[in-house]
Amino acid sequence: QVQLVESGGGLVQPGGSLRLSCVASGFNFSSYAMAWYRQIPGKERELVASISAIGGRTNYADSVKGQFTISRDNPKNTVYLQMDTLKPEDTAVYYCRILGRPFWGQGTQVTVSS
């Protein structure tokens, strides 16, 4: 079955960086666009970034443009989210998703705090 396993979250100080990873299995990873979402308690889950199946096209929420970078390694069935210059408002649970499909990972907590 489809599995998406995120990792790489944690506690980081403002201005710091984190790199999230999502390892996928159970489907033909290189055929699907992938995305990262995040959810702050009490708010709806929001799309942060997406990447096309081959990786040539990326899109970002306005709130993270120039700050986050999405990438993928198809031979490793992995999608990444490099997060730089982190701010307290980036604190959320980050989820990996097959874009447009109802498959989600379990999420990884990112906390930005001094």
C-alpha atoms as a PDB file:
ATOM      1  CA  GLN A   1       0.000   0.000   0.000  1.00  0.00           C
ATOM      2  CA  VAL A   2       0.993   3.626  -0.323  1.00  0.00           C
ATOM      3  CA  GLN A   3       3.292   4.822   2.438  1.00  0.00           C
ATOM      4  CA  LEU A   4       4.802   8.243   2.973  1.00  0.00           C
ATOM      5  CA  VAL A   5       7.218   8.611   5.871  1.00  0.00           C
ATOM      6  CA  GLU A   6       8.431  12.071   6.831  1.00  0.00           C
ATOM      7  CA  SER A   7      11.469  12.836   8.937  1.00  0.00           C
ATOM      8  CA  GLY A   8      13.831  15.673   9.734  1.00  0.00           C
ATOM      9  CA  GLY A   9      11.663  17.856  11.913  1.00  0.00           C
ATOM     10  CA  GLY A  10      12.729  19.195  15.271  1.00  0.00           C
ATOM     11  CA  LEU A  11      13.412  22.267  17.354  1.00  0.00           C
ATOM     12  CA  VAL A  12      15.450  25.010  15.725  1.00  0.00           C
ATOM     13  CA  GLN A  13      16.246  28.595  16.623  1.00  0.00           C
ATOM     14  CA  PRO A  14      14.953  31.466  14.504  1.00  0.00           C
ATOM     15  CA  GLY A  15      17.190  31.935  11.487  1.00  0.00           C
ATOM     16  CA  GLY A  16      18.166  28.284  11.447  1.00  0.00           C
ATOM     17  CA  SER A  17      17.637  25.625   8.814  1.00  0.00           C
ATOM     18  CA  LEU A  18      16.089  22.186   8.583  1.00  0.00           C
ATOM     19  CA  ARG A  19      15.816  19.658   5.800  1.00  0.00           C
ATOM     20  CA  LEU A  20      12.736  17.470   5.757  1.00  0.00           C
ATOM     21  CA  SER A  21      12.645  14.156   3.935  1.00  0.00           C
ATOM     22  CA  CYS A  22       9.729  12.026   2.804  1.00  0.00           C
ATOM     23  CA  VAL A  23      10.379   8.464   1.698  1.00  0.00           C
ATOM     24  CA  ALA A  24       7.638   7.016  -0.466  1.00  0.00           C
ATOM     25  CA  SER A  25       6.701   3.428  -1.232  1.00  0.00           C
ATOM     26  CA  GLY A  26       3.846   1.420  -2.698  1.00  0.00           C
ATOM     27  CA  PHE A  27       3.443   3.366  -5.932  1.00  0.00           C
ATOM     28  CA  ASN A  28       5.453   4.502  -8.937  1.00  0.00           C
ATOM     29  CA  PHE A  29       7.024   7.537  -7.294  1.00  0.00           C
ATOM     30  CA  SER A  30       8.583   8.988 -10.436  1.00  0.00           C
ATOM     31  CA  SER A  31       5.158   9.239 -12.097  1.00  0.00           C
ATOM     32  CA  TYR A  32       3.587  11.581  -9.552  1.00  0.00           C
ATOM     33  CA  ALA A  33       3.944  15.176  -8.551  1.00  0.00           C
ATOM     34  CA  MET A  34       4.583  15.536  -4.841  1.00  0.00           C
ATOM     35  CA  ALA A  35       3.899  18.247  -2.320  1.00  0.00           C
ATOM     36  CA  TRP A  36       4.623  19.455   1.186  1.00  0.00           C
ATOM     37  CA  TYR A  37       1.854  20.871   3.334  1.00  0.00           C
ATOM     38  CA  ARG A  38       1.881  22.258   6.840  1.00  0.00           C
ATOM     39  CA  GLN A  39      -0.699  22.650   9.558  1.00  0.00           C
ATOM     40  CA  ILE A  40      -0.694  24.997  12.490  1.00  0.00           C
ATOM     41  CA  PRO A  41      -2.991  24.007  15.377  1.00  0.00           C
ATOM     42  CA  GLY A  42      -6.436  25.471  14.854  1.00  0.00           C
ATOM     43  CA  LYS A  43      -5.807  26.254  11.199  1.00  0.00           C
ATOM     44  CA  GLU A  44      -6.384  24.432   7.940  1.00  0.00           C
ATOM     45  CA  ARG A  45      -3.603  22.489   6.321  1.00  0.00           C
ATOM     46  CA  GLU A  46      -1.905  24.655   3.693  1.00  0.00           C
ATOM     47  CA  LEU A  47       0.108  23.821   0.612  1.00  0.00           C
ATOM     48  CA  VAL A  48       3.714  24.912   1.051  1.00  0.00           C
ATOM     49  CA  ALA A  49       5.431  23.623  -2.072  1.00  0.00           C
ATOM     50  CA  SER A  50       4.977  21.165  -4.913  1.00  0.00           C
ATOM     51  CA  ILE A  51       7.227  19.562  -7.479  1.00  0.00           C
ATOM     52  CA  SER A  52       6.454  17.865 -10.776  1.00  0.00           C
ATOM     53  CA  ALA A  53       7.062  14.178 -11.341  1.00  0.00           C
ATOM     54  CA  ILE A  54      10.402  14.662 -13.068  1.00  0.00           C
ATOM     55  CA  GLY A  55      11.297  17.609 -10.869  1.00  0.00           C
ATOM     56  CA  GLY A  56      11.542  20.295 -13.490  1.00  0.00           C
ATOM     57  CA  ARG A  57       8.671  22.404 -12.188  1.00  0.00           C
ATOM     58  CA  THR A  58       8.224  23.690  -8.665  1.00  0.00           C
ATOM     59  CA  ASN A  59       5.655  25.926  -7.018  1.00  0.00           C
ATOM     60  CA  TYR A  60       5.674  27.650  -3.651  1.00  0.00           C
ATOM     61  CA  ALA A  61       3.270  29.414  -1.368  1.00  0.00           C
ATOM     62  CA  ASP A  62       3.961  33.131  -1.342  1.00  0.00           C
ATOM     63  CA  SER A  63       4.786  32.907   2.352  1.00  0.00           C
ATOM     64  CA  VAL A  64       7.810  30.646   1.724  1.00  0.00           C
ATOM     65  CA  LYS A  65       9.140  31.784  -1.653  1.00  0.00           C
ATOM     66  CA  GLY A  66      12.864  32.338  -1.473  1.00  0.00           C
ATOM     67  CA  GLN A  67      12.983  30.618   1.920  1.00  0.00           C
ATOM     68  CA  PHE A  68      12.052  26.982   1.195  1.00  0.00           C
ATOM     69  CA  THR A  69      13.252  24.716  -1.596  1.00  0.00           C
ATOM     70  CA  ILE A  70      11.526  21.517  -2.658  1.00  0.00           C
ATOM     71  CA  SER A  71      13.451  18.823  -4.497  1.00  0.00           C
ATOM     72  CA  ARG A  72      13.231  15.117  -5.210  1.00  0.00           C
ATOM     73  CA  ASP A  73      15.434  12.128  -5.857  1.00  0.00           C
ATOM     74  CA  ASN A  74      13.402   9.672  -7.907  1.00  0.00           C
ATOM     75  CA  PRO A  75      15.844   6.723  -7.656  1.00  0.00           C
ATOM     76  CA  LYS A  76      15.590   7.081  -3.855  1.00  0.00           C
ATOM     77  CA  ASN A  77      11.783   7.612  -3.865  1.00  0.00           C
ATOM     78  CA  THR A  78      12.346  10.666  -1.723  1.00  0.00           C
ATOM     79  CA  VAL A  79      11.125  14.237  -1.739  1.00  0.00           C
ATOM     80  CA  TYR A  80      12.843  16.927   0.324  1.00  0.00           C
ATOM     81  CA  LEU A  81      11.998  20.316   1.752  1.00  0.00           C
ATOM     82  CA  GLN A  82      14.962  22.530   2.566  1.00  0.00           C
ATOM     83  CA  MET A  83      13.847  25.235   4.960  1.00  0.00           C
ATOM     84  CA  ASP A  84      16.156  28.192   5.578  1.00  0.00           C
ATOM     85  CA  THR A  85      15.929  31.350   7.635  1.00  0.00           C
ATOM     86  CA  LEU A  86      13.212  29.777   9.725  1.00  0.00           C
ATOM     87  CA  LYS A  87      10.806  31.988  11.648  1.00  0.00           C
ATOM     88  CA  PRO A  88       8.547  31.224  14.614  1.00  0.00           C
ATOM     89  CA  GLU A  89       5.554  31.407  12.278  1.00  0.00           C
ATOM     90  CA  ASP A  90       6.956  28.416  10.372  1.00  0.00           C
ATOM     91  CA  THR A  91       6.193  26.276  13.415  1.00  0.00           C
ATOM     92  CA  ALA A  92       3.792  23.552  12.264  1.00  0.00           C
ATOM     93  CA  VAL A  93       3.406  19.892  11.491  1.00  0.00           C
ATOM     94  CA  TYR A  94       4.730  19.289   7.984  1.00  0.00           C
ATOM     95  CA  TYR A  95       3.169  16.634   5.783  1.00  0.00           C
ATOM     96  CA  CYS A  96       4.164  14.981   2.563  1.00  0.00           C
ATOM     97  CA  ARG A  97       1.488  14.192  -0.014  1.00  0.00           C
ATOM     98  CA  ILE A  98       1.020  12.784  -3.465  1.00  0.00           C
ATOM     99  CA  LEU A  99      -0.319  15.906  -5.155  1.00  0.00           C
ATOM    100  CA  GLY A 100      -4.016  15.592  -5.880  1.00  0.00           C
ATOM    101  CA  ARG A 101      -4.329  12.211  -4.187  1.00  0.00           C
ATOM    102  CA  PRO A 102      -5.718  11.404  -0.718  1.00  0.00           C
ATOM    103  CA  PHE A 103      -2.482   9.930   0.614  1.00  0.00           C
ATOM    104  CA  TRP A 104      -0.662  11.646   3.455  1.00  0.00           C
ATOM    105  CA  GLY A 105       2.288  10.874   5.643  1.00  0.00           C
ATOM    106  CA  GLN A 106       2.080  10.990   9.437  1.00  0.00           C
ATOM    107  CA  GLY A 107       3.742  14.383   9.600  1.00  0.00           C
ATOM    108  CA  THR A 108       6.846  15.745  11.254  1.00  0.00           C
ATOM    109  CA  GLN A 109       6.830  18.539  13.819  1.00  0.00           C
ATOM    110  CA  VAL A 110       8.884  21.653  13.162  1.00  0.00           C
ATOM    111  CA  THR A 111       9.245  24.089  16.037  1.00  0.00           C
ATOM    112  CA  VAL A 112      11.065  27.385  15.591  1.00  0.00           C
ATOM    113  CA  SER A 113      11.788  28.957  18.931  1.00  0.00           C
ATOM    114  CA  SER A 114      14.584  30.538  20.908  1.00  0.00           C
END
